[in-house]
Amino acid sequence: MIRTCTIPLVLAAALVPVQAFAQDAHAAHATEAPMAQAAPPQAASVPDNPSLPAGEEGAKARLGKSPRHGEYADVPVPGGSPIRAWVVYPERKDKAPVVIVIHEIFGLSDWIRGVADQLAAEGFIAVAPDLISGRGPNGGGTDSVSTRDDVVKLVRELTPADVDARLNAVRGWALAQPSANGKSATVGFCWGGGTSFRYATSQPALDAAVVYYGTAPDASTFGAAHAPVLGFYGGDDARVTSTVAPTDAAMKGAGKPYESHIFDGAGHGFLRAQADRNGANMRATEQAWPRMLEFIRQNTK
């Protein structure tokens, strides 16, 4: 069951500012594994569905079988080090929208690259930047870091200004590709979900932003949002989902489009951990992914 979050506009003025929830929305992640919280008994696996991105355990194998052209690119950043990005091109005759895939606090993983490949299968130019490029050992990125906790530390050290400069460079580079149609969207997960939302308030030319289980930025910035925002949340992820109703009200109060869906029984990271929570994560994935595609297509024509 999906619960779509709505709240009367009259509550907006009385809300505790959303920034109270968003100062460090991912504080728990420094020590957690992807699904470290207590959960119902886990399923061993889920059937491979080619219309959805693979879960974490099947992402690398799926990538190895992809017929699409994927490659790493070094994207120049004015005044900074280049960003390494995984780019996957769709197979289509006409020009395509660009979708920037913003990774979790765990960096550019095989799973994130798999999400990009699946977006390309749906007709988008998908670009997944490694936002800690140049900050790992010997100037490397995620793949140069020995432990997940060390990746988390490097991601935490990024400032909003750092991230915006890098996302702007990646977006500009992608839109300059001959096969791009001039439209762009972001899709982010967890830390990347919150970043996707915040980027919608700082990049006025963005056409759409999708948030998977990430918190909103400071509510005072909502008036600057030009792109519509779509959010997906796990019903059993109270740390994040408890912020959805205040965000909904504050966005409505600012006159900005925000659509949210909360999936009963699903946990944090449900798109990656599809086999978890007795099928609830998979049900959330099956409903969220096609709605996301529809949303991006509507806003990037």
C-alpha atoms as a PDB file:
ATOM      1  CA  MET A   1       0.000   0.000   0.000  1.00  0.00           C
ATOM      2  CA  ILE A   2       1.251   3.470  -0.895  1.00  0.00           C
ATOM      3  CA  ARG A   3       0.440   6.407   1.320  1.00  0.00           C
ATOM      4  CA  THR A   4       0.692   9.751  -0.459  1.00  0.00           C
ATOM      5  CA  CYS A   5       1.537  12.477   2.017  1.00  0.00           C
ATOM      6  CA  THR A   6      -0.672  15.537   2.175  1.00  0.00           C
ATOM      7  CA  ILE A   7      -1.199  18.091   4.937  1.00  0.00           C
ATOM      8  CA  PRO A   8      -3.419  21.192   5.170  1.00  0.00           C
ATOM      9  CA  LEU A   9      -1.692  24.397   4.124  1.00  0.00           C
ATOM     10  CA  VAL A  10      -2.736  26.136   7.310  1.00  0.00           C
ATOM     11  CA  LEU A  11      -0.220  24.016   9.202  1.00  0.00           C
ATOM     12  CA  ALA A  12       2.722  25.318   7.214  1.00  0.00           C
ATOM     13  CA  ALA A  13       3.168  28.473   9.254  1.00  0.00           C
ATOM     14  CA  ALA A  14       3.200  26.557  12.505  1.00  0.00           C
ATOM     15  CA  LEU A  15       5.757  23.959  11.478  1.00  0.00           C
ATOM     16  CA  VAL A  16       9.079  23.500  13.135  1.00  0.00           C
ATOM     17  CA  PRO A  17      11.537  24.528  10.387  1.00  0.00           C
ATOM     18  CA  VAL A  18      12.505  21.591   8.218  1.00  0.00           C
ATOM     19  CA  GLN A  19      16.153  22.400   8.775  1.00  0.00           C
ATOM     20  CA  ALA A  20      15.761  20.937  12.270  1.00  0.00           C
ATOM     21  CA  PHE A  21      15.483  17.574  10.588  1.00  0.00           C
ATOM     22  CA  ALA A  22      18.081  18.122   7.893  1.00  0.00           C
ATOM     23  CA  GLN A  23      21.266  19.273   9.597  1.00  0.00           C
ATOM     24  CA  ASP A  24      22.823  15.827   9.492  1.00  0.00           C
ATOM     25  CA  ALA A  25      20.173  13.548   8.109  1.00  0.00           C
ATOM     26  CA  HIS A  26      22.607  10.682   7.683  1.00  0.00           C
ATOM     27  CA  ALA A  27      24.377  10.762  11.030  1.00  0.00           C
ATOM     28  CA  ALA A  28      23.637   7.090  11.583  1.00  0.00           C
ATOM     29  CA  HIS A  29      25.353   6.035   8.398  1.00  0.00           C
ATOM     30  CA  ALA A  30      28.919   6.298   9.615  1.00  0.00           C
ATOM     31  CA  THR A  31      28.580   3.020  11.453  1.00  0.00           C
ATOM     32  CA  GLU A  32      25.772   1.197   9.696  1.00  0.00           C
ATOM     33  CA  ALA A  33      25.930  -1.414   6.998  1.00  0.00           C
ATOM     34  CA  PRO A  34      23.372  -0.890   4.225  1.00  0.00           C
ATOM     35  CA  MET A  35      20.533  -2.442   6.258  1.00  0.00           C
ATOM     36  CA  ALA A  36      21.955  -2.686   9.762  1.00  0.00           C
ATOM     37  CA  GLN A  37      18.756  -1.908  11.634  1.00  0.00           C
ATOM     38  CA  ALA A  38      16.573  -4.665  13.034  1.00  0.00           C
ATOM     39  CA  ALA A  39      14.235  -6.029  10.365  1.00  0.00           C
ATOM     40  CA  PRO A  40      11.878  -8.927   9.739  1.00  0.00           C
ATOM     41  CA  PRO A  41      13.398 -12.185   8.432  1.00  0.00           C
ATOM     42  CA  GLN A  42      15.176 -11.621   5.135  1.00  0.00           C
ATOM     43  CA  ALA A  43      14.447 -13.193   1.787  1.00  0.00           C
ATOM     44  CA  ALA A  44      17.416 -14.953   0.187  1.00  0.00           C
ATOM     45  CA  SER A  45      16.963 -13.332  -3.226  1.00  0.00           C
ATOM     46  CA  VAL A  46      14.439 -11.864  -5.617  1.00  0.00           C
ATOM     47  CA  PRO A  47      13.805 -12.849  -9.247  1.00  0.00           C
ATOM     48  CA  ASP A  48      15.702 -10.734 -11.747  1.00  0.00           C
ATOM     49  CA  ASN A  49      13.297  -8.278 -13.374  1.00  0.00           C
ATOM     50  CA  PRO A  50      14.835  -6.575 -16.444  1.00  0.00           C
ATOM     51  CA  SER A  51      12.419  -3.645 -16.142  1.00  0.00           C
ATOM     52  CA  LEU A  52      13.903  -2.696 -12.745  1.00  0.00           C
ATOM     53  CA  PRO A  53      17.465  -2.010 -11.615  1.00  0.00           C
ATOM     54  CA  ALA A  54      19.040  -5.013  -9.938  1.00  0.00           C
ATOM     55  CA  GLY A  55      19.412  -5.054  -6.169  1.00  0.00           C
ATOM     56  CA  GLU A  56      22.862  -4.667  -4.681  1.00  0.00           C
ATOM     57  CA  GLU A  57      23.687  -8.361  -4.819  1.00  0.00           C
ATOM     58  CA  GLY A  58      22.936  -8.678  -8.549  1.00  0.00           C
ATOM     59  CA  ALA A  59      24.136  -5.326  -9.856  1.00  0.00           C
ATOM     60  CA  LYS A  60      27.627  -6.312 -10.998  1.00  0.00           C
ATOM     61  CA  ALA A  61      26.428  -9.383 -12.882  1.00  0.00           C
ATOM     62  CA  ARG A  62      23.683  -7.369 -14.599  1.00  0.00           C
ATOM     63  CA  LEU A  63      26.209  -4.720 -15.650  1.00  0.00           C
ATOM     64  CA  GLY A  64      28.373  -7.411 -17.202  1.00  0.00           C
ATOM     65  CA  LYS A  65      25.500  -8.411 -19.477  1.00  0.00           C
ATOM     66  CA  SER A  66      24.347  -4.926 -20.480  1.00  0.00           C
ATOM     67  CA  PRO A  67      24.168  -4.261 -24.234  1.00  0.00           C
ATOM     68  CA  ARG A  68      24.446  -0.513 -23.697  1.00  0.00           C
ATOM     69  CA  HIS A  69      27.526   1.634 -24.072  1.00  0.00           C
ATOM     70  CA  GLY A  70      28.845   2.559 -20.647  1.00  0.00           C
ATOM     71  CA  GLU A  71      32.148   4.258 -19.993  1.00  0.00           C
ATOM     72  CA  TYR A  72      34.041   6.351 -17.480  1.00  0.00           C
ATOM     73  CA  ALA A  73      34.608   9.995 -18.315  1.00  0.00           C
ATOM     74  CA  ASP A  74      36.752  12.619 -16.614  1.00  0.00           C
ATOM     75  CA  VAL A  75      34.642  15.748 -16.337  1.00  0.00           C
ATOM     76  CA  PRO A  76      36.556  19.019 -15.879  1.00  0.00           C
ATOM     77  CA  VAL A  77      35.561  21.219 -12.944  1.00  0.00           C
ATOM     78  CA  PRO A  78      36.453  24.911 -13.140  1.00  0.00           C
ATOM     79  CA  GLY A  79      39.035  25.666 -10.486  1.00  0.00           C
ATOM     80  CA  GLY A  80      39.096  22.076  -9.211  1.00  0.00           C
ATOM     81  CA  SER A  81      40.073  18.494  -9.902  1.00  0.00           C
ATOM     82  CA  PRO A  82      38.233  16.541 -12.613  1.00  0.00           C
ATOM     83  CA  ILE A  83      35.292  14.374 -11.608  1.00  0.00           C
ATOM     84  CA  ARG A  84      35.218  10.753 -12.659  1.00  0.00           C
ATOM     85  CA  ALA A  85      31.756   9.797 -13.856  1.00  0.00           C
ATOM     86  CA  TRP A  86      30.128   6.631 -15.133  1.00  0.00           C
ATOM     87  CA  VAL A  87      28.140   7.469 -18.265  1.00  0.00           C
ATOM     88  CA  VAL A  88      25.671   5.176 -20.026  1.00  0.00           C
ATOM     89  CA  TYR A  89      24.084   6.096 -23.340  1.00  0.00           C
ATOM     90  CA  PRO A  90      20.649   4.921 -24.477  1.00  0.00           C
ATOM     91  CA  GLU A  91      19.987   3.187 -27.767  1.00  0.00           C
ATOM     92  CA  ARG A  92      17.650   5.591 -29.567  1.00  0.00           C
ATOM     93  CA  LYS A  93      17.541   7.649 -32.772  1.00  0.00           C
ATOM     94  CA  ASP A  94      16.649  11.013 -31.275  1.00  0.00           C
ATOM     95  CA  LYS A  95      18.265  13.152 -28.607  1.00  0.00           C
ATOM     96  CA  ALA A  96      17.744  12.192 -24.977  1.00  0.00           C
ATOM     97  CA  PRO A  97      17.326  13.904 -21.607  1.00  0.00           C
ATOM     98  CA  VAL A  98      20.183  13.742 -19.113  1.00  0.00           C
ATOM     99  CA  VAL A  99      19.663  12.125 -15.705  1.00  0.00           C
ATOM    100  CA  ILE A 100      22.360  12.666 -13.077  1.00  0.00           C
ATOM    101  CA  VAL A 101      22.447   9.773 -10.597  1.00  0.00           C
ATOM    102  CA  ILE A 102      23.634  10.972  -7.182  1.00  0.00           C
ATOM    103  CA  HIS A 103      25.155   8.194  -5.123  1.00  0.00           C
ATOM    104  CA  GLU A 104      24.497   7.226  -1.526  1.00  0.00           C
ATOM    105  CA  ILE A 105      26.882   8.159   1.244  1.00  0.00           C
ATOM    106  CA  PHE A 106      28.674   4.924   0.269  1.00  0.00           C
ATOM    107  CA  GLY A 107      30.052   6.487  -2.933  1.00  0.00           C
ATOM    108  CA  LEU A 108      30.032   5.353  -6.554  1.00  0.00           C
ATOM    109  CA  SER A 109      29.274   1.638  -6.268  1.00  0.00           C
ATOM    110  CA  ASP A 110      28.449  -1.104  -8.768  1.00  0.00           C
ATOM    111  CA  TRP A 111      24.847  -0.734  -7.641  1.00  0.00           C
ATOM    112  CA  ILE A 112      24.748   2.977  -8.525  1.00  0.00           C
ATOM    113  CA  ARG A 113      26.346   2.190 -11.886  1.00  0.00           C
ATOM    114  CA  GLY A 114      23.624  -0.410 -12.382  1.00  0.00           C
ATOM    115  CA  VAL A 115      20.935   2.175 -11.670  1.00  0.00           C
ATOM    116  CA  ALA A 116      22.498   4.403 -14.328  1.00  0.00           C
ATOM    117  CA  ASP A 117      22.496   1.526 -16.806  1.00  0.00           C
ATOM    118  CA  GLN A 118      18.804   0.875 -16.124  1.00  0.00           C
ATOM    119  CA  LEU A 119      17.984   4.545 -16.700  1.00  0.00           C
ATOM    120  CA  ALA A 120      19.799   4.329 -20.041  1.00  0.00           C
ATOM    121  CA  ALA A 121      17.682   1.285 -20.873  1.00  0.00           C
ATOM    122  CA  GLU A 122      14.690   3.594 -20.440  1.00  0.00           C
ATOM    123  CA  GLY A 123      16.043   6.130 -22.930  1.00  0.00           C
ATOM    124  CA  PHE A 124      18.018   8.585 -20.780  1.00  0.00           C
ATOM    125  CA  ILE A 125      21.660   9.621 -20.893  1.00  0.00           C
ATOM    126  CA  ALA A 126      22.586   8.555 -17.370  1.00  0.00           C
ATOM    127  CA  VAL A 127      25.595  10.094 -15.637  1.00  0.00           C
ATOM    128  CA  ALA A 128      26.705   8.895 -12.195  1.00  0.00           C
ATOM    129  CA  PRO A 129      29.504  11.119 -10.861  1.00  0.00           C
ATOM    130  CA  ASP A 130      31.890   9.995  -8.149  1.00  0.00           C
ATOM    131  CA  LEU A 131      31.567  13.056  -5.949  1.00  0.00           C
ATOM    132  CA  ILE A 132      34.663  12.188  -3.922  1.00  0.00           C
ATOM    133  CA  SER A 133      36.857  12.022  -7.032  1.00  0.00           C
ATOM    134  CA  GLY A 134      40.330  13.276  -6.210  1.00  0.00           C
ATOM    135  CA  ARG A 135      39.815  12.997  -2.456  1.00  0.00           C
ATOM    136  CA  GLY A 136      40.817   9.389  -1.937  1.00  0.00           C
ATOM    137  CA  PRO A 137      44.349   7.981  -1.566  1.00  0.00           C
ATOM    138  CA  ASN A 138      46.710   9.248  -4.282  1.00  0.00           C
ATOM    139  CA  GLY A 139      43.973  11.466  -5.679  1.00  0.00           C
ATOM    140  CA  GLY A 140      41.573   8.613  -6.343  1.00  0.00           C
ATOM    141  CA  GLY A 141      37.858   8.303  -5.765  1.00  0.00           C
ATOM    142  CA  THR A 142      35.552   5.708  -4.238  1.00  0.00           C
ATOM    143  CA  ASP A 143      37.408   2.728  -5.665  1.00  0.00           C
ATOM    144  CA  SER A 144      40.686   3.893  -4.099  1.00  0.00           C
ATOM    145  CA  VAL A 145      39.298   3.858  -0.550  1.00  0.00           C
ATOM    146  CA  SER A 146      39.823   0.698   1.468  1.00  0.00           C
ATOM    147  CA  THR A 147      36.739   0.694   3.714  1.00  0.00           C
ATOM    148  CA  ARG A 148      33.132   1.818   3.518  1.00  0.00           C
ATOM    149  CA  ASP A 149      33.551   3.885   6.683  1.00  0.00           C
ATOM    150  CA  ASP A 150      36.382   5.796   5.015  1.00  0.00           C
ATOM    151  CA  VAL A 151      34.166   6.481   2.002  1.00  0.00           C
ATOM    152  CA  VAL A 152      31.470   7.778   4.348  1.00  0.00           C
ATOM    153  CA  LYS A 153      34.009  10.087   5.990  1.00  0.00           C
ATOM    154  CA  LEU A 154      35.048  11.559   2.645  1.00  0.00           C
ATOM    155  CA  VAL A 155      31.460  12.107   1.556  1.00  0.00           C
ATOM    156  CA  ARG A 156      30.739  13.850   4.869  1.00  0.00           C
ATOM    157  CA  GLU A 157      33.592  16.247   4.263  1.00  0.00           C
ATOM    158  CA  LEU A 158      31.979  17.561   1.071  1.00  0.00           C
ATOM    159  CA  THR A 159      30.344  20.942   1.538  1.00  0.00           C
ATOM    160  CA  PRO A 160      27.193  22.015  -0.340  1.00  0.00           C
ATOM    161  CA  ALA A 161      29.385  24.398  -2.338  1.00  0.00           C
ATOM    162  CA  ASP A 162      31.729  21.519  -3.268  1.00  0.00           C
ATOM    163  CA  VAL A 163      28.821  19.361  -4.347  1.00  0.00           C
ATOM    164  CA  ASP A 164      27.095  22.096  -6.337  1.00  0.00           C
ATOM    165  CA  ALA A 165      30.293  22.942  -8.210  1.00  0.00           C
ATOM    166  CA  ARG A 166      30.740  19.305  -9.129  1.00  0.00           C
ATOM    167  CA  LEU A 167      27.124  18.692 -10.074  1.00  0.00           C
ATOM    168  CA  ASN A 168      27.058  21.866 -12.160  1.00  0.00           C
ATOM    169  CA  ALA A 169      30.173  20.739 -14.010  1.00  0.00           C
ATOM    170  CA  VAL A 170      28.732  17.276 -14.639  1.00  0.00           C
ATOM    171  CA  ARG A 171      25.380  18.676 -15.735  1.00  0.00           C
ATOM    172  CA  GLY A 172      27.016  21.165 -18.113  1.00  0.00           C
ATOM    173  CA  TRP A 173      29.264  18.497 -19.580  1.00  0.00           C
ATOM    174  CA  ALA A 174      26.384  16.068 -20.095  1.00  0.00           C
ATOM    175  CA  LEU A 175      24.108  18.648 -21.701  1.00  0.00           C
ATOM    176  CA  ALA A 176      26.910  19.536 -24.121  1.00  0.00           C
ATOM    177  CA  GLN A 177      26.957  16.002 -25.511  1.00  0.00           C
ATOM    178  CA  PRO A 178      25.648  15.933 -29.089  1.00  0.00           C
ATOM    179  CA  SER A 179      22.987  13.345 -28.192  1.00  0.00           C
ATOM    180  CA  ALA A 180      21.509  15.383 -25.299  1.00  0.00           C
ATOM    181  CA  ASN A 181      18.208  17.231 -25.746  1.00  0.00           C
ATOM    182  CA  GLY A 182      18.930  20.088 -23.319  1.00  0.00           C
ATOM    183  CA  LYS A 183      16.770  18.778 -20.456  1.00  0.00           C
ATOM    184  CA  SER A 184      18.120  17.445 -17.161  1.00  0.00           C
ATOM    185  CA  ALA A 185      16.984  15.737 -13.976  1.00  0.00           C
ATOM    186  CA  THR A 186      18.593  14.371 -10.835  1.00  0.00           C
ATOM    187  CA  VAL A 187      17.877  11.108  -9.014  1.00  0.00           C
ATOM    188  CA  GLY A 188      19.492  10.560  -5.640  1.00  0.00           C
ATOM    189  CA  PHE A 189      19.544   7.907  -2.928  1.00  0.00           C
ATOM    190  CA  CYS A 190      19.828   8.496   0.829  1.00  0.00           C
ATOM    191  CA  TRP A 191      22.567  11.163   1.133  1.00  0.00           C
ATOM    192  CA  GLY A 192      22.199  11.547  -2.619  1.00  0.00           C
ATOM    193  CA  GLY A 193      18.438  11.871  -2.227  1.00  0.00           C
ATOM    194  CA  GLY A 194      18.838  14.807   0.112  1.00  0.00           C
ATOM    195  CA  THR A 195      21.406  16.237  -2.290  1.00  0.00           C
ATOM    196  CA  SER A 196      19.007  15.848  -5.230  1.00  0.00           C
ATOM    197  CA  PHE A 197      16.379  17.833  -3.310  1.00  0.00           C
ATOM    198  CA  ARG A 198      18.825  20.542  -2.283  1.00  0.00           C
ATOM    199  CA  TYR A 199      20.191  20.833  -5.838  1.00  0.00           C
ATOM    200  CA  ALA A 200      16.656  21.599  -7.036  1.00  0.00           C
ATOM    201  CA  THR A 201      16.841  24.750  -4.879  1.00  0.00           C
ATOM    202  CA  SER A 202      20.265  25.816  -6.114  1.00  0.00           C
ATOM    203  CA  GLN A 203      20.206  25.014  -9.850  1.00  0.00           C
ATOM    204  CA  PRO A 204      17.372  26.990 -11.450  1.00  0.00           C
ATOM    205  CA  ALA A 205      17.708  25.280 -14.839  1.00  0.00           C
ATOM    206  CA  LEU A 206      17.114  21.766 -13.481  1.00  0.00           C
ATOM    207  CA  ASP A 207      13.925  20.236 -14.902  1.00  0.00           C
ATOM    208  CA  ALA A 208      13.113  17.570 -12.275  1.00  0.00           C
ATOM    209  CA  ALA A 209      14.471  16.120  -9.032  1.00  0.00           C
ATOM    210  CA  VAL A 210      13.795  12.678  -7.555  1.00  0.00           C
ATOM    211  CA  VAL A 211      14.497  11.835  -3.920  1.00  0.00           C
ATOM    212  CA  TYR A 212      14.790   8.273  -2.656  1.00  0.00           C
ATOM    213  CA  TYR A 213      14.659   8.228   1.172  1.00  0.00           C
ATOM    214  CA  GLY A 214      16.583  11.461   1.674  1.00  0.00           C
ATOM    215  CA  THR A 215      15.635  14.463   3.791  1.00  0.00           C
ATOM    216  CA  ALA A 216      14.849  17.951   2.532  1.00  0.00           C
ATOM    217  CA  PRO A 217      17.144  20.969   2.780  1.00  0.00           C
ATOM    218  CA  ASP A 218      16.449  24.041   4.885  1.00  0.00           C
ATOM    219  CA  ALA A 219      12.821  25.051   4.365  1.00  0.00           C
ATOM    220  CA  SER A 220      13.879  28.656   3.865  1.00  0.00           C
ATOM    221  CA  THR A 221      15.351  27.604   0.500  1.00  0.00           C
ATOM    222  CA  PHE A 222      12.147  26.093  -0.879  1.00  0.00           C
ATOM    223  CA  GLY A 223      11.125  29.312  -2.584  1.00  0.00           C
ATOM    224  CA  ALA A 224      14.181  28.986  -4.827  1.00  0.00           C
ATOM    225  CA  ALA A 225      13.123  25.563  -6.140  1.00  0.00           C
ATOM    226  CA  HIS A 226      12.233  25.683  -9.822  1.00  0.00           C
ATOM    227  CA  ALA A 227      12.165  21.960 -10.548  1.00  0.00           C
ATOM    228  CA  PRO A 228       9.290  19.779  -9.319  1.00  0.00           C
ATOM    229  CA  VAL A 229      10.374  17.268  -6.657  1.00  0.00           C
ATOM    230  CA  LEU A 230       9.221  13.652  -6.308  1.00  0.00           C
ATOM    231  CA  GLY A 231      10.053  11.724  -3.126  1.00  0.00           C
ATOM    232  CA  PHE A 232       9.884   8.026  -2.214  1.00  0.00           C
ATOM    233  CA  TYR A 233      10.173   6.834   1.397  1.00  0.00           C
ATOM    234  CA  GLY A 234      10.029   3.640   3.422  1.00  0.00           C
ATOM    235  CA  GLY A 235       7.206   3.368   5.921  1.00  0.00           C
ATOM    236  CA  ASP A 236       9.575   1.778   8.461  1.00  0.00           C
ATOM    237  CA  ASP A 237      12.248   4.455   8.049  1.00  0.00           C
ATOM    238  CA  ALA A 238      11.002   6.921  10.667  1.00  0.00           C
ATOM    239  CA  ARG A 239      14.323   8.783  10.855  1.00  0.00           C
ATOM    240  CA  VAL A 240      13.655  10.089   7.346  1.00  0.00           C
ATOM    241  CA  THR A 241       9.936   9.570   6.845  1.00  0.00           C
ATOM    242  CA  SER A 242       9.012  11.633   9.910  1.00  0.00           C
ATOM    243  CA  THR A 243      10.271  14.673   7.981  1.00  0.00           C
ATOM    244  CA  VAL A 244       7.987  14.147   4.983  1.00  0.00           C
ATOM    245  CA  ALA A 245       4.801  15.777   6.301  1.00  0.00           C
ATOM    246  CA  PRO A 246       6.589  18.988   7.402  1.00  0.00           C
ATOM    247  CA  THR A 247       8.376  19.088   4.045  1.00  0.00           C
ATOM    248  CA  ASP A 248       5.100  18.614   2.184  1.00  0.00           C
ATOM    249  CA  ALA A 249       3.430  21.448   4.059  1.00  0.00           C
ATOM    250  CA  ALA A 250       6.382  23.804   3.699  1.00  0.00           C
ATOM    251  CA  MET A 251       6.683  23.136  -0.038  1.00  0.00           C
ATOM    252  CA  LYS A 252       2.979  23.791  -0.483  1.00  0.00           C
ATOM    253  CA  GLY A 253       3.335  26.949   1.562  1.00  0.00           C
ATOM    254  CA  ALA A 254       6.111  28.070  -0.788  1.00  0.00           C
ATOM    255  CA  GLY A 255       3.916  27.242  -3.801  1.00  0.00           C
ATOM    256  CA  LYS A 256       6.327  24.589  -5.079  1.00  0.00           C
ATOM    257  CA  PRO A 257       5.414  21.165  -6.541  1.00  0.00           C
ATOM    258  CA  TYR A 258       6.304  18.237  -4.285  1.00  0.00           C
ATOM    259  CA  GLU A 259       4.862  14.738  -4.562  1.00  0.00           C
ATOM    260  CA  SER A 260       5.662  12.171  -1.885  1.00  0.00           C
ATOM    261  CA  HIS A 261       4.963   8.455  -1.539  1.00  0.00           C
ATOM    262  CA  ILE A 262       5.480   6.375   1.607  1.00  0.00           C
ATOM    263  CA  PHE A 263       5.548   2.601   1.138  1.00  0.00           C
ATOM    264  CA  ASP A 264       4.204   0.569   4.055  1.00  0.00           C
ATOM    265  CA  GLY A 265       6.651  -1.964   5.474  1.00  0.00           C
ATOM    266  CA  ALA A 266       9.593  -0.818   3.357  1.00  0.00           C
ATOM    267  CA  GLY A 267      12.832   0.199   5.015  1.00  0.00           C
ATOM    268  CA  HIS A 268      15.616   2.647   4.291  1.00  0.00           C
ATOM    269  CA  GLY A 269      17.492   1.866   1.088  1.00  0.00           C
ATOM    270  CA  PHE A 270      14.663  -0.246  -0.329  1.00  0.00           C
ATOM    271  CA  LEU A 271      15.680   0.127  -3.980  1.00  0.00           C
ATOM    272  CA  ARG A 272      19.130  -1.284  -3.231  1.00  0.00           C
ATOM    273  CA  ALA A 273      18.039  -3.865  -0.619  1.00  0.00           C
ATOM    274  CA  GLN A 274      15.172  -5.278  -2.675  1.00  0.00           C
ATOM    275  CA  ALA A 275      15.292  -8.731  -1.074  1.00  0.00           C
ATOM    276  CA  ASP A 276      14.823  -7.428   2.461  1.00  0.00           C
ATOM    277  CA  ARG A 277      11.778  -7.010   4.690  1.00  0.00           C
ATOM    278  CA  ASN A 278       9.649  -9.953   3.556  1.00  0.00           C
ATOM    279  CA  GLY A 279       8.894  -8.499   0.147  1.00  0.00           C
ATOM    280  CA  ALA A 280       8.002  -4.967   1.276  1.00  0.00           C
ATOM    281  CA  ASN A 281      11.158  -3.474  -0.242  1.00  0.00           C
ATOM    282  CA  MET A 282      10.504  -5.201  -3.547  1.00  0.00           C
ATOM    283  CA  ARG A 283       6.906  -4.001  -3.621  1.00  0.00           C
ATOM    284  CA  ALA A 284       8.124  -0.459  -2.985  1.00  0.00           C
ATOM    285  CA  THR A 285      10.657  -0.797  -5.806  1.00  0.00           C
ATOM    286  CA  GLU A 286       8.027  -2.116  -8.218  1.00  0.00           C
ATOM    287  CA  GLN A 287       5.811   0.893  -7.552  1.00  0.00           C
ATOM    288  CA  ALA A 288       8.401   3.651  -7.194  1.00  0.00           C
ATOM    289  CA  TRP A 289      10.527   2.957 -10.264  1.00  0.00           C
ATOM    290  CA  PRO A 290       7.803   3.273 -12.949  1.00  0.00           C
ATOM    291  CA  ARG A 291       6.342   6.346 -11.250  1.00  0.00           C
ATOM    292  CA  MET A 292       9.802   7.909 -11.286  1.00  0.00           C
ATOM    293  CA  LEU A 293      10.210   7.198 -15.010  1.00  0.00           C
ATOM    294  CA  GLU A 294       6.846   8.752 -15.763  1.00  0.00           C
ATOM    295  CA  PHE A 295       7.727  11.835 -13.692  1.00  0.00           C
ATOM    296  CA  ILE A 296      11.084  12.384 -15.383  1.00  0.00           C
ATOM    297  CA  ARG A 297       9.630  11.891 -18.850  1.00  0.00           C
ATOM    298  CA  GLN A 298       6.843  14.375 -18.150  1.00  0.00           C
ATOM    299  CA  ASN A 299       9.328  17.034 -17.121  1.00  0.00           C
ATOM    300  CA  THR A 300      12.132  16.488 -19.651  1.00  0.00           C
ATOM    301  CA  LYS A 301      10.263  16.390 -22.961  1.00  0.00           C
END
